[in-house]
Amino acid sequence: MKAFVPQLVYFEPKALEYPLGKELKDKFEKMGLEIRETTSHNQVRGIPGENDLQQYRNAKSTLVVGIRKTLKFDTSKPSAEYAIPLATGCMGHCHYCYLQTTLGSKPYIRTYVNLEDIFEQAEKYMKERAPEITRFEAACTSDIVGIDHLTHSLKKTIEFMGQTDFGQLRFVTKYQHVDHLLDAKHNGRTRFRFSVNSRYVIKNFEPGTSSFEERIEAARKVANADYPLGFIVAPIYMHDGWQEGYLELFQRLYDSLQGINLEGLTFELIQHRFTKPAKNVIQKRYPKSKLEMDETKRKYKWGRYGIGKYVYQNEEAADIETTLRRYIHEFFPNAEIQYFT
């Protein structure tokens, strides 16, 4: 899997008032990329494409460099207290992704250059909660690792958090491009997690991402760089033969992680869910997807902002949780399962 390179880059004019903005402009000019100006990262116009589907696909390879004006961090339960806003959007094409509707008509990738403002706000949140630890999730609205070889925003954030007394950073990725992060001074305050799944899910629903083998090779590198390591199994999806598929996943994971220190290993388990608006968007953007989204087979669960989601029925969810917990205890008896949702 080659590292992401945008086909088109937009800059907010004020982004060039920041050192990172200037650095990125110079870098992208030297790379020979097409660069345009936009008044706001929220109102990018002119992305090429003859129809909505073409524009969507082109937006996924468009990077917008801007300033994060809203510095009130969203909450990020159950994985963290707050989401730290380093980027928005993702170059991957995962059919099930909740960003399909969260980002709606703005599926382009945004990176924010006013890192000092973001760090200052994070410090305020840490002070409010001290001496409690405050966890920050950096991958709520993006796969931040997928663009960080270009921006190094994540690396700066890892080193910022490494110097704090009461902060911890967390993020998850489906990409293997971690080499530039291995020498970051993380001081054990950043948990590096990888998204993994059964062969069926990765093959059918995760185009545009690194392979399982590439992700696990990156996980080995990260563990050897003494980062706390974790895995998110998401979405857990009841495809034909799912029990065997997930048993094989943990067997492959166990085999691939031999010889590295797994002390403090964590797992997070998230069952497949979808909203009605997401279903409509997914079917429009990935019309040939095999993703099952039959509301009549699911349980309706109220969500944030009054938007409900469809999850598995109680018995099915209990079966998923019991089965995966058993597999994890079998292969990784000392690992912590942080939650199932």
Protein backbone atom coordinates (compact mmCIF):
# COMPACT_ATOMS: atom_id res chain seq x y z
CA MET A 1 0.00 0.00 0.00
CA LYS A 2 1.58 3.28 -1.12
CA ALA A 3 1.45 6.25 1.22
CA PHE A 4 -1.28 8.76 0.44
CA VAL A 5 -0.45 11.64 -1.90
CA PRO A 6 -3.27 14.10 -2.66
CA GLN A 7 -4.12 14.87 -6.28
CA LEU A 8 -5.33 18.35 -5.35
CA VAL A 9 -4.53 20.64 -2.40
CA TYR A 10 -6.46 23.68 -1.17
CA PHE A 11 -5.12 26.26 1.27
CA GLU A 12 -6.99 28.77 3.41
CA PRO A 13 -4.99 32.02 3.06
CA LYS A 14 -4.62 32.38 6.86
CA ALA A 15 -3.12 28.89 7.07
CA LEU A 16 0.03 30.38 5.52
CA GLU A 17 0.46 32.58 8.61
CA TYR A 18 1.42 29.46 10.57
CA PRO A 19 4.80 27.71 10.30
CA LEU A 20 3.19 24.37 9.45
CA GLY A 21 1.07 25.98 6.74
CA LYS A 22 4.15 27.51 5.08
CA GLU A 23 6.06 24.23 5.40
CA LEU A 24 3.26 22.27 3.73
CA LYS A 25 2.91 24.80 0.90
CA ASP A 26 6.65 24.51 0.15
CA LYS A 27 6.50 20.72 0.35
CA PHE A 28 3.52 20.40 -1.99
CA GLU A 29 4.98 22.87 -4.50
CA LYS A 30 8.18 20.81 -4.63
CA MET A 31 6.07 17.66 -5.13
CA GLY A 32 4.46 19.33 -8.15
CA LEU A 33 0.91 19.04 -6.78
CA GLU A 34 -1.94 21.22 -8.01
CA ILE A 35 -2.57 23.91 -5.38
CA ARG A 36 -5.65 26.12 -5.11
CA GLU A 37 -6.98 28.68 -2.64
CA THR A 38 -10.23 28.43 -0.69
CA THR A 39 -11.80 31.01 1.60
CA SER A 40 -12.79 28.35 4.15
CA HIS A 41 -12.06 24.67 4.72
CA ASN A 42 -15.81 24.28 5.24
CA GLN A 43 -16.68 25.62 1.78
CA VAL A 44 -14.41 24.00 -0.77
CA ARG A 45 -15.72 24.34 -4.29
CA GLY A 46 -14.52 23.18 -7.69
CA ILE A 47 -13.60 19.58 -6.88
CA PRO A 48 -13.63 17.95 -10.32
CA GLY A 49 -16.13 15.31 -11.39
CA GLU A 50 -18.99 14.97 -13.84
CA ASN A 51 -21.39 13.56 -11.23
CA ASP A 52 -21.75 13.15 -7.47
CA LEU A 53 -19.95 9.80 -7.40
CA GLN A 54 -16.93 11.11 -9.32
CA GLN A 55 -16.79 14.21 -7.12
CA TYR A 56 -16.95 12.01 -4.03
CA ARG A 57 -14.05 9.86 -5.22
CA ASN A 58 -12.00 12.93 -6.19
CA ALA A 59 -12.75 14.55 -2.84
CA LYS A 60 -11.22 11.51 -1.15
CA SER A 61 -7.90 12.42 -2.80
CA THR A 62 -8.17 16.14 -2.02
CA LEU A 63 -6.37 17.70 0.96
CA VAL A 64 -7.48 21.01 2.47
CA VAL A 65 -5.04 22.88 4.73
CA GLY A 66 -6.86 25.17 7.14
CA ILE A 67 -7.25 26.57 10.64
CA ARG A 68 -9.36 24.89 13.30
CA LYS A 69 -11.51 27.73 14.61
CA THR A 70 -13.80 25.67 16.87
CA LEU A 71 -11.61 24.79 19.83
CA LYS A 72 -14.29 23.21 21.98
CA PHE A 73 -13.37 19.53 21.80
CA ASP A 74 -16.13 16.95 21.31
CA THR A 75 -16.45 14.15 23.82
CA SER A 76 -15.23 10.74 22.65
CA LYS A 77 -16.74 8.04 24.84
CA PRO A 78 -16.03 5.25 25.49
CA SER A 79 -12.44 5.46 24.22
CA ALA A 80 -11.46 8.86 25.65
CA GLU A 81 -12.69 11.99 27.40
CA TYR A 82 -12.14 14.25 24.38
CA ALA A 83 -11.49 14.14 20.65
CA ILE A 84 -8.43 16.24 19.77
CA PRO A 85 -9.09 17.83 16.34
CA LEU A 86 -5.98 17.38 14.20
CA ALA A 87 -7.70 16.38 10.95
CA THR A 88 -11.08 15.54 9.42
CA GLY A 89 -11.80 13.03 6.66
CA CYS A 90 -10.10 9.91 5.35
CA MET A 91 -8.68 8.61 2.10
CA GLY A 92 -10.00 5.10 2.76
CA HIS A 93 -13.16 3.73 1.17
CA CYS A 94 -14.58 1.63 4.01
CA HIS A 95 -18.19 0.99 3.07
CA TYR A 96 -19.49 0.95 6.65
CA CYS A 97 -17.74 4.11 7.90
CA TYR A 98 -19.84 6.49 10.01
CA LEU A 99 -17.96 9.42 8.44
CA GLN A 100 -20.12 8.80 5.35
CA THR A 101 -22.85 10.85 7.00
CA THR A 102 -20.83 12.80 9.57
CA LEU A 103 -18.94 14.49 6.74
CA GLY A 104 -21.88 14.38 4.32
CA SER A 105 -21.12 16.58 1.36
CA LYS A 106 -17.56 17.35 2.58
CA PRO A 107 -15.67 14.05 2.25
CA TYR A 108 -12.39 15.80 1.42
CA ILE A 109 -9.55 15.55 3.94
CA ARG A 110 -8.79 18.52 6.16
CA THR A 111 -5.66 19.10 8.22
CA TYR A 112 -5.33 21.94 10.72
CA VAL A 113 -2.13 23.94 11.11
CA ASN A 114 -2.84 25.96 14.29
CA LEU A 115 -1.44 23.22 16.51
CA GLU A 116 -0.40 25.57 19.31
CA ASP A 117 -4.02 26.71 19.74
CA ILE A 118 -5.15 23.08 19.84
CA PHE A 119 -2.46 22.14 22.37
CA GLU A 120 -3.34 25.16 24.54
CA GLN A 121 -6.96 24.02 24.64
CA ALA A 122 -5.91 20.47 25.50
CA GLU A 123 -3.88 21.83 28.42
CA LYS A 124 -6.99 23.62 29.73
CA TYR A 125 -8.95 20.39 29.70
CA MET A 126 -6.13 18.58 31.49
CA LYS A 127 -5.95 21.27 34.19
CA GLU A 128 -9.71 21.09 34.75
CA ARG A 129 -9.53 17.34 35.42
CA ALA A 130 -6.16 17.10 37.20
CA PRO A 131 -5.02 14.96 38.93
CA GLU A 132 -7.30 12.65 36.91
CA ILE A 133 -5.81 11.47 33.60
CA THR A 134 -7.45 13.03 30.52
CA ARG A 135 -7.44 10.86 27.41
CA PHE A 136 -7.55 12.43 23.96
CA GLU A 137 -8.66 10.49 20.86
CA ALA A 138 -6.97 11.71 17.66
CA ALA A 139 -8.85 9.51 15.18
CA CYS A 140 -12.52 10.30 15.79
CA THR A 141 -13.06 12.02 12.44
CA SER A 142 -10.07 10.82 10.43
CA ASP A 143 -7.39 8.18 10.02
CA ILE A 144 -4.70 10.58 11.16
CA VAL A 145 -1.82 8.12 10.53
CA GLY A 146 -2.83 8.00 6.85
CA ILE A 147 -1.78 11.63 6.29
CA ASP A 148 0.83 12.17 8.98
CA HIS A 149 3.80 11.23 6.78
CA LEU A 150 2.95 14.53 5.02
CA THR A 151 2.02 16.79 7.96
CA HIS A 152 3.76 15.36 11.07
CA SER A 153 0.94 16.92 13.13
CA LEU A 154 0.39 13.63 14.92
CA LYS A 155 4.07 13.29 15.71
CA LYS A 156 4.10 16.78 17.23
CA THR A 157 1.01 15.86 19.26
CA ILE A 158 2.60 12.63 20.51
CA GLU A 159 5.63 14.60 21.72
CA PHE A 160 3.45 17.33 23.26
CA MET A 161 1.45 14.71 25.18
CA GLY A 162 4.66 12.94 26.20
CA GLN A 163 5.66 16.02 28.19
CA THR A 164 2.38 16.29 30.13
CA ASP A 165 1.65 14.92 33.58
CA PHE A 166 -2.04 14.18 33.16
CA GLY A 167 -2.60 13.64 29.43
CA GLN A 168 -2.76 10.53 27.28
CA LEU A 169 -3.16 10.30 23.51
CA ARG A 170 -4.94 7.53 21.62
CA PHE A 171 -5.61 6.90 17.95
CA VAL A 172 -6.44 4.03 15.65
CA THR A 173 -5.38 3.36 12.07
CA LYS A 174 -5.76 1.02 9.12
CA TYR A 175 -2.47 2.20 7.58
CA GLN A 176 1.11 0.97 7.91
CA HIS A 177 2.93 4.26 7.36
CA VAL A 178 4.36 4.60 10.87
CA ASP A 179 8.13 4.78 10.33
CA HIS A 180 8.40 8.53 11.01
CA LEU A 181 6.60 8.04 14.36
CA LEU A 182 8.93 5.39 15.76
CA ASP A 183 11.48 7.86 17.16
CA ALA A 184 8.88 10.23 18.67
CA LYS A 185 9.44 10.97 22.37
CA HIS A 186 6.12 9.49 23.49
CA ASN A 187 7.18 8.59 27.06
CA GLY A 188 4.54 5.87 27.12
CA ARG A 189 1.68 8.40 27.04
CA THR A 190 0.35 7.46 23.59
CA ARG A 191 -1.56 4.26 22.87
CA PHE A 192 -1.17 3.20 19.27
CA ARG A 193 -4.11 1.03 18.09
CA PHE A 194 -4.70 -0.81 14.85
CA SER A 195 -8.07 -1.68 13.38
CA VAL A 196 -8.30 -5.38 12.50
CA ASN A 197 -11.07 -7.61 11.22
CA SER A 198 -11.90 -10.93 9.60
CA ARG A 199 -10.69 -11.64 6.08
CA TYR A 200 -14.26 -11.27 4.80
CA VAL A 201 -14.70 -7.75 6.19
CA ILE A 202 -11.29 -6.46 5.05
CA LYS A 203 -11.69 -7.95 1.58
CA ASN A 204 -15.26 -6.76 0.94
CA PHE A 205 -15.60 -3.52 2.88
CA GLU A 206 -12.17 -1.87 3.36
CA PRO A 207 -10.80 -0.82 -0.07
CA GLY A 208 -8.09 1.81 -0.08
CA THR A 209 -6.53 0.66 3.21
CA SER A 210 -3.41 -1.30 4.13
CA SER A 211 -3.68 -5.08 4.17
CA PHE A 212 -3.94 -7.03 7.42
CA GLU A 213 -0.32 -8.15 7.03
CA GLU A 214 0.88 -4.56 6.50
CA ARG A 215 -1.01 -3.36 9.57
CA ILE A 216 0.45 -6.11 11.75
CA GLU A 217 3.98 -5.46 10.52
CA ALA A 218 3.43 -1.82 11.53
CA ALA A 219 2.09 -2.98 14.92
CA ARG A 220 5.29 -4.95 15.50
CA LYS A 221 7.35 -1.82 14.74
CA VAL A 222 5.22 0.26 17.11
CA ALA A 223 5.51 -2.29 19.94
CA ASN A 224 9.28 -2.45 19.44
CA ALA A 225 9.34 1.36 19.77
CA ASP A 226 7.77 0.86 23.25
CA TYR A 227 4.40 2.39 22.44
CA PRO A 228 1.50 0.92 24.42
CA LEU A 229 -0.31 -1.21 21.81
CA GLY A 230 -3.97 -1.97 21.22
CA PHE A 231 -6.35 -3.39 18.64
CA ILE A 232 -9.86 -2.34 17.75
CA VAL A 233 -12.02 -5.05 16.21
CA ALA A 234 -14.60 -2.99 14.35
CA PRO A 235 -17.09 -3.33 12.99
CA ILE A 236 -17.76 -6.88 14.19
CA TYR A 237 -19.97 -8.16 11.39
CA MET A 238 -22.06 -11.35 11.30
CA HIS A 239 -21.15 -12.63 7.85
CA ASP A 240 -21.56 -16.30 6.91
CA GLY A 241 -19.06 -18.26 8.96
CA TRP A 242 -18.28 -15.27 11.17
CA GLN A 243 -17.30 -17.40 14.19
CA GLU A 244 -14.61 -19.19 12.16
CA GLY A 245 -13.60 -15.90 10.50
CA TYR A 246 -12.95 -14.16 13.81
CA LEU A 247 -11.28 -17.24 15.32
CA GLU A 248 -8.88 -17.15 12.37
CA LEU A 249 -8.33 -13.42 12.95
CA PHE A 250 -7.09 -13.97 16.50
CA GLN A 251 -5.01 -16.98 15.46
CA ARG A 252 -3.31 -14.85 12.77
CA LEU A 253 -2.85 -12.03 15.24
CA TYR A 254 -1.29 -14.38 17.80
CA ASP A 255 1.04 -15.93 15.22
CA SER A 256 2.11 -12.52 13.87
CA LEU A 257 2.90 -11.01 17.27
CA GLN A 258 5.26 -13.71 18.52
CA GLY A 259 8.47 -12.38 20.03
CA ILE A 260 7.29 -8.89 20.95
CA ASN A 261 6.40 -7.46 24.35
CA LEU A 262 2.60 -7.46 24.68
CA GLU A 263 2.46 -6.17 28.24
CA GLY A 264 -0.49 -3.80 28.58
CA LEU A 265 -2.14 -4.96 25.33
CA THR A 266 -5.74 -3.76 24.94
CA PHE A 267 -8.73 -4.69 22.79
CA GLU A 268 -11.84 -2.66 21.98
CA LEU A 269 -14.84 -4.41 20.44
CA ILE A 270 -17.47 -2.58 18.37
CA GLN A 271 -20.39 -4.33 16.67
CA HIS A 272 -21.60 -3.19 13.25
CA ARG A 273 -24.18 -0.42 13.33
CA PHE A 274 -25.70 1.98 10.85
CA THR A 275 -28.12 4.88 10.72
CA LYS A 276 -30.85 5.35 8.15
CA PRO A 277 -29.10 8.40 6.60
CA ALA A 278 -25.82 6.43 6.49
CA LYS A 279 -27.52 3.53 4.71
CA ASN A 280 -28.83 5.88 2.02
CA VAL A 281 -25.42 7.45 1.47
CA ILE A 282 -23.54 4.12 1.49
CA GLN A 283 -25.89 2.59 -1.08
CA LYS A 284 -25.46 5.63 -3.30
CA ARG A 285 -21.63 5.72 -3.02
CA TYR A 286 -21.01 1.96 -3.03
CA PRO A 287 -23.97 0.57 -4.99
CA LYS A 288 -22.44 -2.92 -5.35
CA SER A 289 -21.53 -3.28 -1.68
CA LYS A 290 -22.37 -6.58 0.04
CA LEU A 291 -22.94 -4.76 3.34
CA GLU A 292 -26.13 -6.00 4.99
CA MET A 293 -28.27 -3.14 6.31
CA ASP A 294 -31.75 -4.59 6.77
CA GLU A 295 -33.51 -2.60 9.51
CA THR A 296 -36.02 -5.41 10.10
CA LYS A 297 -33.21 -7.69 11.29
CA ARG A 298 -31.77 -5.16 13.72
CA LYS A 299 -32.52 -3.47 17.02
CA TYR A 300 -33.06 0.30 17.06
CA LYS A 301 -30.92 2.13 19.58
CA TRP A 302 -31.16 5.83 20.36
CA GLY A 303 -27.94 7.75 19.74
CA ARG A 304 -26.47 11.18 20.26
CA TYR A 305 -28.31 14.21 18.85
CA GLY A 306 -31.51 12.18 18.51
CA ILE A 307 -30.19 10.10 15.59
CA GLY A 308 -30.84 6.45 16.29
CA LYS A 309 -28.79 3.57 14.96
CA TYR A 310 -29.46 -0.03 14.08
CA VAL A 311 -27.38 -2.61 15.96
CA TYR A 312 -27.66 -6.37 16.26
CA GLN A 313 -30.52 -7.88 18.26
CA ASN A 314 -29.73 -8.51 21.95
CA GLU A 315 -29.15 -12.26 21.52
CA GLU A 316 -26.88 -11.74 18.51
CA ALA A 317 -24.90 -8.99 20.26
CA ALA A 318 -24.48 -11.23 23.33
CA ASP A 319 -23.28 -14.05 21.07
CA ILE A 320 -20.75 -11.74 19.39
CA GLU A 321 -19.45 -10.44 22.72
CA THR A 322 -19.19 -13.86 24.37
CA THR A 323 -17.49 -15.39 21.34
CA LEU A 324 -14.87 -12.67 20.87
CA ARG A 325 -14.13 -12.40 24.57
CA ARG A 326 -13.50 -16.16 24.59
CA TYR A 327 -11.13 -15.92 21.63
CA ILE A 328 -9.19 -13.06 23.20
CA HIS A 329 -8.85 -14.87 26.54
CA GLU A 330 -7.64 -17.96 24.68
CA PHE A 331 -4.93 -16.23 22.63
CA PHE A 332 -4.13 -13.16 24.76
CA PRO A 333 -5.01 -14.08 28.37
CA ASN A 334 -3.24 -11.06 29.84
CA ALA A 335 -4.84 -8.48 27.53
CA GLU A 336 -7.44 -6.01 28.74
CA ILE A 337 -10.77 -5.86 26.91
CA GLN A 338 -11.69 -2.22 27.45
CA TYR A 339 -15.28 -2.36 26.25
CA PHE A 340 -17.82 -3.95 23.92
CA THR A 341 -20.41 -1.73 22.34
